[in-house]
Amino acid sequence: MKNIFLKFVLVVGLFTFLPSPKVSAQAPASSWYWVVESNTRQKKSSIVRFYNKEHQLVYEESVTGRKLDIKKPKTRKLLDNALQQVMVTPPTYAILGNRKP
């Protein structure tokens, strides 16, 4: 009898403190993305490709004269801003530029 009561209290206590399920609609995240390709033989050259939701190549740009280090927050922000520009209107000109830092 004591075991049954303890099990009952444990189960009720467990369900009391569990978070209630919440259903909320999230804004669909942008599934556009960029990919940076670097060659080990050409240290200061990178190719940046931008893809849409269907994983189709939308825009490609070659960056020479500097290596893009995607581990740096500044570089990631630059690429994210370029992606936003590509999403609005696919460019017909260089977005990232080929200038040296």
N, C-alpha and C. Protein backbone atom coordinates (compact mmCIF):
# COMPACT_ATOMS: atom_id res chain seq x y z
N MET A 1 0.82 -1.19 0.00
CA MET A 1 0.00 0.00 0.00
C MET A 1 0.87 1.26 0.00
N LYS A 2 1.94 1.20 0.81
CA LYS A 2 2.84 2.35 0.89
C LYS A 2 3.56 2.57 -0.44
N ASN A 3 3.97 1.48 -1.10
CA ASN A 3 4.66 1.59 -2.40
C ASN A 3 3.75 2.18 -3.46
N ILE A 4 2.51 1.78 -3.47
CA ILE A 4 1.56 2.30 -4.46
C ILE A 4 1.35 3.79 -4.25
N PHE A 5 1.21 4.20 -3.00
CA PHE A 5 1.01 5.61 -2.69
C PHE A 5 2.24 6.43 -3.11
N LEU A 6 3.45 5.92 -2.83
CA LEU A 6 4.67 6.63 -3.21
C LEU A 6 4.80 6.75 -4.73
N LYS A 7 4.46 5.69 -5.44
CA LYS A 7 4.50 5.73 -6.91
C LYS A 7 3.50 6.74 -7.44
N PHE A 8 2.31 6.77 -6.85
CA PHE A 8 1.28 7.71 -7.27
C PHE A 8 1.75 9.15 -7.06
N VAL A 9 2.31 9.43 -5.89
CA VAL A 9 2.80 10.78 -5.58
C VAL A 9 3.94 11.16 -6.53
N LEU A 10 4.82 10.22 -6.81
CA LEU A 10 5.93 10.47 -7.71
C LEU A 10 5.45 10.80 -9.12
N VAL A 11 4.50 10.02 -9.63
CA VAL A 11 3.97 10.26 -10.98
C VAL A 11 3.23 11.59 -11.05
N VAL A 12 2.40 11.88 -10.07
CA VAL A 12 1.66 13.14 -10.06
C VAL A 12 2.63 14.31 -9.94
N GLY A 13 3.63 14.18 -9.09
CA GLY A 13 4.62 15.24 -8.93
C GLY A 13 5.42 15.46 -10.21
N LEU A 14 5.75 14.38 -10.89
CA LEU A 14 6.50 14.48 -12.13
C LEU A 14 5.71 15.23 -13.19
N PHE A 15 4.44 14.89 -13.36
CA PHE A 15 3.62 15.56 -14.37
C PHE A 15 3.26 16.99 -13.97
N THR A 16 3.30 17.28 -12.69
CA THR A 16 3.00 18.64 -12.25
C THR A 16 4.11 19.60 -12.64
N PHE A 17 5.34 19.15 -12.55
CA PHE A 17 6.47 20.03 -12.81
C PHE A 17 6.99 19.99 -14.24
N LEU A 18 6.47 19.11 -15.06
CA LEU A 18 6.87 19.09 -16.46
C LEU A 18 6.30 20.31 -17.18
N PRO A 19 7.04 20.89 -18.08
CA PRO A 19 6.50 22.04 -18.81
C PRO A 19 5.35 21.60 -19.72
N SER A 20 4.35 22.44 -19.78
CA SER A 20 3.22 22.11 -20.64
C SER A 20 3.60 22.34 -22.09
N PRO A 21 3.10 21.51 -22.98
CA PRO A 21 3.44 21.69 -24.39
C PRO A 21 2.83 22.98 -24.93
N LYS A 22 3.63 23.71 -25.65
CA LYS A 22 3.17 24.97 -26.23
C LYS A 22 3.30 24.88 -27.73
N VAL A 23 2.29 25.33 -28.39
CA VAL A 23 2.31 25.36 -29.84
C VAL A 23 2.41 26.81 -30.26
N SER A 24 3.45 27.12 -30.99
CA SER A 24 3.59 28.48 -31.47
C SER A 24 4.15 28.44 -32.89
N ALA A 25 3.66 29.33 -33.67
CA ALA A 25 4.13 29.41 -35.05
C ALA A 25 5.37 30.28 -35.08
N GLN A 26 6.43 29.76 -35.63
CA GLN A 26 7.65 30.54 -35.77
C GLN A 26 7.70 31.10 -37.18
N ALA A 27 8.30 32.25 -37.26
CA ALA A 27 8.52 32.81 -38.59
C ALA A 27 9.49 31.90 -39.33
N PRO A 28 9.19 31.58 -40.56
CA PRO A 28 10.09 30.68 -41.29
C PRO A 28 11.48 31.29 -41.43
N ALA A 29 12.44 30.54 -41.01
CA ALA A 29 13.83 31.02 -41.11
C ALA A 29 14.26 31.00 -42.57
N SER A 30 15.09 31.95 -42.89
CA SER A 30 15.60 31.99 -44.25
C SER A 30 16.48 30.78 -44.49
N SER A 31 16.17 30.05 -45.51
CA SER A 31 16.99 28.87 -45.79
C SER A 31 17.96 29.16 -46.93
N TRP A 32 18.13 30.42 -47.25
CA TRP A 32 19.19 30.79 -48.18
C TRP A 32 20.50 30.68 -47.43
N TYR A 33 21.56 30.36 -48.12
CA TYR A 33 22.84 30.21 -47.45
C TYR A 33 23.99 30.49 -48.40
N TRP A 34 25.16 30.66 -47.81
CA TRP A 34 26.37 30.90 -48.59
C TRP A 34 27.38 29.82 -48.28
N VAL A 35 28.28 29.58 -49.23
CA VAL A 35 29.36 28.61 -49.09
C VAL A 35 30.64 29.27 -49.57
N VAL A 36 31.69 29.14 -48.77
CA VAL A 36 33.00 29.68 -49.15
C VAL A 36 33.91 28.52 -49.47
N GLU A 37 34.50 28.57 -50.66
CA GLU A 37 35.43 27.52 -51.10
C GLU A 37 36.81 28.15 -51.23
N SER A 38 37.77 27.54 -50.54
CA SER A 38 39.15 28.02 -50.62
C SER A 38 40.04 26.89 -51.10
N ASN A 39 41.07 27.25 -51.83
CA ASN A 39 42.02 26.28 -52.35
C ASN A 39 43.29 26.35 -51.52
N THR A 40 43.82 25.21 -51.13
CA THR A 40 45.04 25.21 -50.32
C THR A 40 46.25 25.66 -51.12
N ARG A 41 46.21 25.53 -52.42
CA ARG A 41 47.34 25.95 -53.25
C ARG A 41 47.32 27.45 -53.53
N GLN A 42 46.14 28.02 -53.59
CA GLN A 42 46.00 29.46 -53.80
C GLN A 42 45.50 30.06 -52.50
N LYS A 43 46.42 30.47 -51.65
CA LYS A 43 46.09 30.89 -50.29
C LYS A 43 45.19 32.13 -50.23
N LYS A 44 45.39 33.07 -51.13
CA LYS A 44 44.65 34.32 -51.07
C LYS A 44 43.57 34.39 -52.14
N SER A 45 42.81 33.34 -52.23
CA SER A 45 41.74 33.29 -53.21
C SER A 45 40.60 32.46 -52.63
N SER A 46 39.38 32.95 -52.79
CA SER A 46 38.20 32.23 -52.31
C SER A 46 37.07 32.41 -53.31
N ILE A 47 36.19 31.45 -53.34
CA ILE A 47 34.98 31.54 -54.16
C ILE A 47 33.80 31.49 -53.20
N VAL A 48 32.91 32.46 -53.33
CA VAL A 48 31.72 32.52 -52.49
C VAL A 48 30.52 32.21 -53.37
N ARG A 49 29.72 31.25 -52.94
CA ARG A 49 28.51 30.87 -53.68
C ARG A 49 27.30 31.09 -52.79
N PHE A 50 26.25 31.65 -53.37
CA PHE A 50 25.00 31.90 -52.65
C PHE A 50 23.92 30.99 -53.24
N TYR A 51 23.21 30.30 -52.36
CA TYR A 51 22.17 29.35 -52.78
C TYR A 51 20.82 29.77 -52.21
N ASN A 52 19.75 29.41 -52.93
CA ASN A 52 18.40 29.72 -52.47
C ASN A 52 17.80 28.54 -51.71
N LYS A 53 16.50 28.64 -51.41
CA LYS A 53 15.81 27.60 -50.63
C LYS A 53 15.84 26.24 -51.31
N GLU A 54 15.84 26.24 -52.61
CA GLU A 54 15.83 24.99 -53.37
C GLU A 54 17.24 24.48 -53.65
N HIS A 55 18.23 25.06 -52.99
CA HIS A 55 19.64 24.68 -53.12
C HIS A 55 20.16 24.90 -54.55
N GLN A 56 19.61 25.90 -55.20
CA GLN A 56 20.07 26.27 -56.53
C GLN A 56 21.04 27.44 -56.41
N LEU A 57 22.09 27.39 -57.19
CA LEU A 57 23.07 28.46 -57.17
C LEU A 57 22.44 29.73 -57.73
N VAL A 58 22.47 30.80 -56.92
CA VAL A 58 21.89 32.07 -57.33
C VAL A 58 22.98 33.02 -57.82
N TYR A 59 24.11 33.01 -57.11
CA TYR A 59 25.18 33.95 -57.44
C TYR A 59 26.51 33.36 -56.98
N GLU A 60 27.55 33.65 -57.73
CA GLU A 60 28.90 33.18 -57.40
C GLU A 60 29.86 34.33 -57.62
N GLU A 61 30.79 34.47 -56.69
CA GLU A 61 31.78 35.54 -56.82
C GLU A 61 33.14 35.02 -56.38
N SER A 62 34.16 35.40 -57.13
CA SER A 62 35.53 35.03 -56.80
C SER A 62 36.19 36.22 -56.11
N VAL A 63 36.80 35.96 -54.96
CA VAL A 63 37.49 37.00 -54.20
C VAL A 63 38.97 36.68 -54.25
N THR A 64 39.75 37.58 -54.84
CA THR A 64 41.20 37.37 -54.93
C THR A 64 41.91 38.45 -54.12
N GLY A 65 43.10 38.14 -53.70
CA GLY A 65 43.89 39.11 -52.95
C GLY A 65 43.75 38.98 -51.45
N ARG A 66 42.78 38.22 -50.99
CA ARG A 66 42.63 37.97 -49.56
C ARG A 66 41.90 36.66 -49.34
N LYS A 67 42.17 36.06 -48.20
CA LYS A 67 41.51 34.81 -47.85
C LYS A 67 40.37 35.13 -46.89
N LEU A 68 39.21 34.58 -47.14
CA LEU A 68 38.08 34.79 -46.26
C LEU A 68 38.12 33.77 -45.13
N ASP A 69 38.26 34.25 -43.91
CA ASP A 69 38.27 33.38 -42.74
C ASP A 69 36.88 33.42 -42.12
N ILE A 70 36.09 32.38 -42.35
CA ILE A 70 34.70 32.39 -41.89
C ILE A 70 34.58 32.20 -40.38
N LYS A 71 35.68 31.98 -39.71
CA LYS A 71 35.64 31.87 -38.25
C LYS A 71 35.54 33.25 -37.60
N LYS A 72 35.90 34.28 -38.34
CA LYS A 72 35.85 35.64 -37.81
C LYS A 72 34.42 36.19 -37.92
N PRO A 73 33.92 36.76 -36.84
CA PRO A 73 32.56 37.32 -36.87
C PRO A 73 32.39 38.42 -37.92
N LYS A 74 33.42 39.21 -38.14
CA LYS A 74 33.34 40.29 -39.13
C LYS A 74 33.11 39.73 -40.53
N THR A 75 33.81 38.65 -40.85
CA THR A 75 33.66 38.02 -42.17
C THR A 75 32.28 37.41 -42.32
N ARG A 76 31.79 36.75 -41.27
CA ARG A 76 30.46 36.15 -41.32
C ARG A 76 29.39 37.22 -41.51
N LYS A 77 29.57 38.34 -40.83
CA LYS A 77 28.61 39.44 -40.96
C LYS A 77 28.63 39.99 -42.38
N LEU A 78 29.82 40.13 -42.96
CA LEU A 78 29.96 40.60 -44.34
C LEU A 78 29.23 39.66 -45.30
N LEU A 79 29.43 38.36 -45.11
CA LEU A 79 28.78 37.38 -45.98
C LEU A 79 27.27 37.36 -45.77
N ASP A 80 26.82 37.51 -44.53
CA ASP A 80 25.38 37.56 -44.27
C ASP A 80 24.74 38.79 -44.90
N ASN A 81 25.44 39.93 -44.84
CA ASN A 81 24.92 41.14 -45.48
C ASN A 81 24.87 40.97 -47.00
N ALA A 82 25.89 40.34 -47.56
CA ALA A 82 25.90 40.09 -49.00
C ALA A 82 24.75 39.15 -49.37
N LEU A 83 24.49 38.17 -48.52
CA LEU A 83 23.38 37.24 -48.77
C LEU A 83 22.05 37.98 -48.76
N GLN A 84 21.89 38.92 -47.84
CA GLN A 84 20.66 39.71 -47.81
C GLN A 84 20.48 40.49 -49.11
N GLN A 85 21.57 41.03 -49.64
CA GLN A 85 21.49 41.76 -50.90
C GLN A 85 21.13 40.83 -52.05
N VAL A 86 21.68 39.64 -52.04
CA VAL A 86 21.38 38.67 -53.11
C VAL A 86 19.92 38.24 -53.03
N MET A 87 19.39 38.12 -51.81
CA MET A 87 18.00 37.70 -51.65
C MET A 87 17.04 38.75 -52.20
N VAL A 88 17.37 40.01 -52.03
CA VAL A 88 16.49 41.08 -52.50
C VAL A 88 16.50 41.15 -54.02
N THR A 89 17.68 41.30 -54.58
CA THR A 89 17.82 41.32 -56.03
C THR A 89 19.10 40.61 -56.40
N PRO A 90 19.02 39.58 -57.19
CA PRO A 90 20.24 38.91 -57.63
C PRO A 90 21.12 39.90 -58.38
N PRO A 91 22.37 40.05 -57.94
CA PRO A 91 23.23 41.09 -58.50
C PRO A 91 23.82 40.73 -59.85
N THR A 92 24.22 41.77 -60.54
CA THR A 92 24.94 41.59 -61.80
C THR A 92 26.32 42.21 -61.68
N TYR A 93 26.72 42.51 -60.45
CA TYR A 93 28.01 43.14 -60.19
C TYR A 93 28.63 42.50 -58.95
N ALA A 94 29.86 42.85 -58.67
CA ALA A 94 30.56 42.28 -57.52
C ALA A 94 30.03 42.88 -56.22
N ILE A 95 29.68 42.04 -55.28
CA ILE A 95 29.19 42.50 -53.98
C ILE A 95 30.32 42.62 -52.98
N LEU A 96 31.15 41.61 -52.92
CA LEU A 96 32.20 41.56 -51.90
C LEU A 96 33.42 42.37 -52.28
N GLY A 97 33.64 42.56 -53.53
CA GLY A 97 34.79 43.34 -53.98
C GLY A 97 36.08 42.55 -53.89
N ASN A 98 37.08 43.04 -54.55
CA ASN A 98 38.38 42.37 -54.56
C ASN A 98 39.45 43.25 -53.94
N ARG A 99 39.07 44.08 -53.00
CA ARG A 99 40.05 44.97 -52.39
C ARG A 99 40.80 44.24 -51.28
N LYS A 100 42.00 44.72 -51.01
CA LYS A 100 42.81 44.12 -49.95
C LYS A 100 42.46 44.79 -48.63
N PRO A 101 42.57 44.06 -47.52
CA PRO A 101 42.22 44.65 -46.21
C PRO A 101 43.16 45.75 -45.78
